Amino acid sequence: MQEQMNKQLGQLRQTAVELGLGPALKLVRRTVLPSARRNAVDDRHLALLLSFVLQEDSNCIDVGAHRGDVLKSIVLHAPRGEHIGYEPLPHLFEYLCLEFPTVTLKQAALAEKAGVSPFAYVRSRPAYSGLLQRTPDGAEEVEQIEVVVEVLDETLPPDHRLDLIKIDVEGAEYGVLKGGEKLLSANRPYVIFEFGAAARKYGTTAEDMYRLVDGDLGLRIFDMDGTGPYTLGTFRKTFDNGNRFNFVAHA
């Protein structure tokens, strides 16, 4: 089986070269494949993390719930907790409502300021959707829709017990955290967040994120391999080289 697969891969590489796609193939090897592998490893480590830190009655928030992969683990490990899921895309929100009847689901985005906002729905790759378009024009099928935007501190009081929050909103993570600063400071939960190149679209720097999480919230930052706590220098370097983009912060 492996020999056959290697032969097929070799044929695909040869075809790519013949079609003049050699440079594109190298780009995929250098960027897309390592990123996909990193994501797969981080997903496994996230599943382990949830199994270790969640109690039966832990309360969690999933921001950018998408199709509920993380929400499923949350409900499994904390079946008696009060959970909230945020997903602004209508079709995914409807799906989550059917799959997670015990979770409070909100068809909204989270940010630092409430209102109604344009939202780039990447129809060809829904996971890339966000308040700002991160894909180049013409590269993907993008539809501009409007979504409700909430502020975490305006929807939940600081005395609401929160044990863990996961945030994956394609570059807008800083706004989610800033809008929930009171709640997060009062609870100091586990904060699982993505922070990569897409944050530049929102004008967020590594210094901004580090000073908010480590400074204002008083949480130490680790990557999903457990390396850390990160200093400002190592966090900035990691952001600049793009080697890591999934992190967990805790007291």
Protein backbone atom coordinates (compact mmCIF):
# COMPACT_ATOMS: atom_id res chain seq x y z
CA MET A 1 0.00 0.00 0.00
CA GLN A 2 2.74 2.48 1.00
CA GLU A 3 4.76 1.62 -2.11
CA GLN A 4 1.72 2.31 -4.30
CA MET A 5 1.06 5.63 -2.56
CA ASN A 6 4.70 6.71 -3.00
CA LYS A 7 4.49 5.83 -6.69
CA GLN A 8 1.31 7.89 -7.09
CA LEU A 9 2.89 10.84 -5.28
CA GLY A 10 5.90 10.60 -7.55
CA GLN A 11 3.65 10.68 -10.61
CA LEU A 12 1.80 13.72 -9.25
CA ARG A 13 5.08 15.54 -8.65
CA GLN A 14 6.27 14.75 -12.19
CA THR A 15 2.96 15.98 -13.64
CA ALA A 16 3.23 19.21 -11.64
CA VAL A 17 6.73 19.81 -12.97
CA GLU A 18 5.64 19.12 -16.56
CA LEU A 19 2.79 21.61 -16.19
CA GLY A 20 5.14 24.26 -14.86
CA LEU A 21 3.73 24.02 -11.35
CA GLY A 22 7.01 23.20 -9.66
CA PRO A 23 7.28 26.54 -7.77
CA ALA A 24 3.69 26.25 -6.57
CA LEU A 25 4.34 22.70 -5.36
CA LYS A 26 7.38 23.91 -3.38
CA LEU A 27 5.26 26.65 -1.82
CA VAL A 28 2.68 24.09 -0.71
CA ARG A 29 5.41 21.93 0.83
CA ARG A 30 6.96 24.91 2.63
CA THR A 31 3.80 26.56 3.98
CA VAL A 32 0.54 24.64 3.67
CA LEU A 33 1.74 21.14 4.62
CA PRO A 34 3.70 22.18 7.77
CA SER A 35 0.74 24.29 8.90
CA ALA A 36 -1.66 21.38 8.42
CA ARG A 37 0.64 19.04 10.35
CA ARG A 38 1.01 21.58 13.15
CA ASN A 39 -2.78 21.94 13.35
CA ALA A 40 -3.25 18.16 13.56
CA VAL A 41 -0.75 17.87 16.42
CA ASP A 42 -2.27 20.85 18.23
CA ASP A 43 -5.76 19.36 17.89
CA ARG A 44 -4.60 16.17 19.58
CA HIS A 45 -2.94 18.13 22.38
CA LEU A 46 -6.07 20.25 22.81
CA ALA A 47 -8.17 17.12 23.25
CA LEU A 48 -5.77 15.93 25.95
CA LEU A 49 -5.79 19.33 27.64
CA LEU A 50 -9.58 19.38 27.83
CA SER A 51 -9.65 15.89 29.33
CA PHE A 52 -7.21 16.96 32.06
CA VAL A 53 -8.47 20.40 33.07
CA LEU A 54 -12.25 20.12 32.79
CA GLN A 55 -14.37 18.93 35.70
CA GLU A 56 -17.88 17.57 35.30
CA ASP A 57 -19.38 20.96 36.16
CA SER A 58 -16.83 23.26 34.47
CA ASN A 59 -18.34 26.23 32.60
CA CYS A 60 -16.95 26.94 29.13
CA ILE A 61 -17.36 29.34 26.22
CA ASP A 62 -16.54 28.41 22.63
CA VAL A 63 -16.04 31.49 20.44
CA GLY A 64 -16.06 30.55 16.77
CA ALA A 65 -17.64 27.16 17.40
CA HIS A 66 -17.80 26.33 13.66
CA ARG A 67 -19.03 22.70 13.41
CA GLY A 68 -18.60 21.98 17.11
CA ASP A 69 -15.45 19.85 17.16
CA VAL A 70 -14.18 21.50 20.35
CA LEU A 71 -17.67 21.95 21.75
CA LYS A 72 -18.18 18.19 21.51
CA SER A 73 -15.16 17.58 23.76
CA ILE A 74 -16.31 20.27 26.17
CA VAL A 75 -19.74 18.68 26.59
CA LEU A 76 -18.19 15.23 26.91
CA HIS A 77 -15.81 16.19 29.71
CA ALA A 78 -18.06 18.72 31.46
CA PRO A 79 -21.60 17.37 31.00
CA ARG A 80 -23.01 19.32 33.97
CA GLY A 81 -21.40 22.64 33.05
CA GLU A 82 -23.14 25.71 31.65
CA HIS A 83 -21.67 26.19 28.18
CA ILE A 84 -22.06 28.97 25.62
CA GLY A 85 -21.18 28.74 21.95
CA TYR A 86 -20.79 31.66 19.52
CA GLU A 87 -21.13 31.07 15.77
CA PRO A 88 -22.21 33.90 13.42
CA LEU A 89 -22.65 31.90 10.20
CA PRO A 90 -26.38 31.02 9.90
CA HIS A 91 -26.02 27.50 8.48
CA LEU A 92 -23.43 26.50 11.08
CA PHE A 93 -25.48 28.03 13.88
CA GLU A 94 -28.50 25.98 12.82
CA TYR A 95 -26.39 22.84 12.70
CA LEU A 96 -25.04 23.48 16.20
CA CYS A 97 -28.55 24.03 17.56
CA LEU A 98 -29.48 20.54 16.38
CA GLU A 99 -26.29 18.89 17.62
CA PHE A 100 -25.97 20.60 21.01
CA PRO A 101 -29.40 21.04 22.63
CA THR A 102 -27.88 21.50 26.11
CA VAL A 103 -25.58 24.38 25.07
CA THR A 104 -26.62 28.06 24.99
CA LEU A 105 -25.88 29.03 21.39
CA LYS A 106 -25.65 32.56 20.03
CA GLN A 107 -25.68 33.54 16.37
CA ALA A 108 -23.23 36.36 16.89
CA ALA A 109 -19.60 37.36 16.78
CA LEU A 110 -17.69 38.74 19.76
CA ALA A 111 -15.57 41.88 19.74
CA GLU A 112 -14.64 44.95 21.77
CA LYS A 113 -17.63 46.95 20.54
CA ALA A 114 -21.23 45.76 20.11
CA GLY A 115 -23.42 46.38 17.06
CA VAL A 116 -24.01 44.98 13.60
CA SER A 117 -20.99 44.44 11.38
CA PRO A 118 -20.11 43.28 7.87
CA PHE A 119 -18.78 39.75 7.89
CA ALA A 120 -16.77 38.02 5.16
CA TYR A 121 -18.35 34.60 4.65
CA VAL A 122 -15.83 32.53 2.70
CA ARG A 123 -18.23 30.12 1.04
CA SER A 124 -15.46 27.97 -0.41
CA ARG A 125 -13.64 27.75 2.97
CA PRO A 126 -16.02 28.67 5.80
CA ALA A 127 -13.32 28.28 8.46
CA TYR A 128 -11.60 31.36 6.97
CA SER A 129 -14.67 33.57 7.50
CA GLY A 130 -14.37 36.59 9.76
CA LEU A 131 -15.19 40.22 10.49
CA LEU A 132 -12.47 41.19 8.02
CA GLN A 133 -11.65 39.36 4.80
CA ARG A 134 -8.31 37.59 5.16
CA THR A 135 -8.21 35.94 1.72
CA PRO A 136 -7.03 37.83 -1.40
CA ASP A 137 -9.75 39.06 -3.75
CA GLY A 138 -10.63 36.37 -6.25
CA ALA A 139 -8.77 33.61 -4.42
CA GLU A 140 -11.91 32.28 -2.73
CA GLU A 141 -15.68 32.58 -3.09
CA VAL A 142 -16.54 35.32 -0.58
CA GLU A 143 -19.99 36.69 0.30
CA GLN A 144 -20.38 39.78 2.46
CA ILE A 145 -23.13 39.35 5.06
CA GLU A 146 -24.09 41.22 8.23
CA VAL A 147 -23.81 39.71 11.71
CA VAL A 148 -24.67 40.74 15.24
CA VAL A 149 -21.62 41.56 17.36
CA GLU A 150 -21.69 41.23 21.15
CA VAL A 151 -19.24 42.22 23.89
CA LEU A 152 -18.56 39.50 26.44
CA ASP A 153 -18.50 41.88 29.42
CA GLU A 154 -21.89 43.26 28.37
CA THR A 155 -23.56 39.84 28.10
CA LEU A 156 -22.13 38.11 31.17
CA PRO A 157 -21.47 39.57 34.65
CA PRO A 158 -17.98 39.23 36.19
CA ASP A 159 -19.40 36.86 38.82
CA HIS A 160 -20.41 34.35 36.13
CA ARG A 161 -18.12 31.39 36.79
CA LEU A 162 -15.96 30.68 33.76
CA ASP A 163 -13.40 27.88 33.74
CA LEU A 164 -12.32 27.78 30.10
CA ILE A 165 -12.76 29.80 26.92
CA LYS A 166 -11.63 28.81 23.44
CA ILE A 167 -11.28 31.53 20.79
CA ASP A 168 -10.72 30.90 17.08
CA VAL A 169 -11.97 33.86 15.06
CA GLU A 170 -9.46 34.25 12.23
CA GLY A 171 -7.41 37.13 13.55
CA ALA A 172 -10.00 38.93 15.71
CA GLU A 173 -9.00 37.19 18.96
CA TYR A 174 -7.64 40.35 20.59
CA GLY A 175 -11.01 42.11 20.35
CA VAL A 176 -12.79 39.14 21.94
CA LEU A 177 -10.38 39.15 24.88
CA LYS A 178 -10.45 42.93 25.28
CA GLY A 179 -14.24 42.91 25.30
CA GLY A 180 -14.22 40.27 28.04
CA GLU A 181 -11.46 41.75 30.19
CA LYS A 182 -13.61 42.13 33.32
CA LEU A 183 -14.99 38.60 33.14
CA LEU A 184 -11.59 37.08 32.38
CA SER A 185 -9.79 39.06 35.08
CA ALA A 186 -12.35 37.99 37.68
CA ASN A 187 -12.24 34.29 36.72
CA ARG A 188 -8.76 33.80 35.25
CA PRO A 189 -9.91 30.78 33.21
CA TYR A 190 -7.93 28.66 30.81
CA VAL A 191 -7.81 30.67 27.58
CA ILE A 192 -7.22 28.66 24.41
CA PHE A 193 -6.65 31.02 21.49
CA GLU A 194 -5.33 31.17 17.97
CA PHE A 195 -2.92 33.98 17.17
CA GLY A 196 -1.27 34.01 13.77
CA ALA A 197 -0.74 36.07 10.64
CA ALA A 198 -4.46 36.88 10.27
CA ALA A 199 -4.18 39.15 13.34
CA ARG A 200 -2.23 41.63 11.22
CA LYS A 201 -5.43 42.36 9.29
CA TYR A 202 -6.81 43.79 12.53
CA GLY A 203 -3.66 45.76 13.32
CA THR A 204 -2.86 43.55 16.30
CA THR A 205 0.80 43.03 17.17
CA ALA A 206 2.42 40.35 19.30
CA GLU A 207 3.12 43.06 21.87
CA ASP A 208 -0.58 43.97 22.02
CA MET A 209 -1.68 40.39 22.62
CA TYR A 210 1.09 39.58 25.09
CA ARG A 211 0.49 42.68 27.22
CA LEU A 212 -3.23 41.97 27.34
CA VAL A 213 -2.97 38.28 28.21
CA ASP A 214 0.17 38.19 30.34
CA GLY A 215 -0.03 41.73 31.72
CA ASP A 216 -3.65 42.84 32.10
CA LEU A 217 -5.18 39.38 32.59
CA GLY A 218 -2.25 37.95 34.54
CA LEU A 219 -2.14 34.68 32.57
CA ARG A 220 0.99 32.85 31.43
CA ILE A 221 1.16 31.86 27.76
CA PHE A 222 2.18 28.38 26.57
CA ASP A 223 1.99 26.69 23.18
CA MET A 224 0.02 23.49 22.71
CA ASP A 225 3.16 21.40 23.20
CA GLY A 226 3.45 22.82 26.72
CA THR A 227 6.46 25.02 25.94
CA GLY A 228 6.49 28.17 28.06
CA PRO A 229 5.68 30.35 29.76
CA TYR A 230 6.50 32.62 26.84
CA THR A 231 8.34 35.87 27.36
CA LEU A 232 7.44 38.87 25.23
CA GLY A 233 10.54 38.23 23.15
CA THR A 234 9.80 34.58 22.42
CA PHE A 235 6.12 35.33 21.77
CA ARG A 236 7.06 38.06 19.28
CA LYS A 237 9.58 35.78 17.56
CA THR A 238 7.03 32.96 17.32
CA PHE A 239 4.45 35.32 15.84
CA ASP A 240 6.94 36.68 13.31
CA ASN A 241 8.12 33.28 12.06
CA GLY A 242 4.66 31.68 12.15
CA ASN A 243 5.89 28.40 13.61
CA ARG A 244 3.12 28.36 16.24
CA PHE A 245 -0.34 29.84 16.14
CA ASN A 246 -2.30 27.92 18.81
CA PHE A 247 -1.76 28.84 22.44
CA VAL A 248 -3.16 28.25 25.92
CA ALA A 249 -2.93 30.78 28.75
CA HIS A 250 -3.59 30.09 32.40
CA ALA A 251 -2.74 31.41 35.85
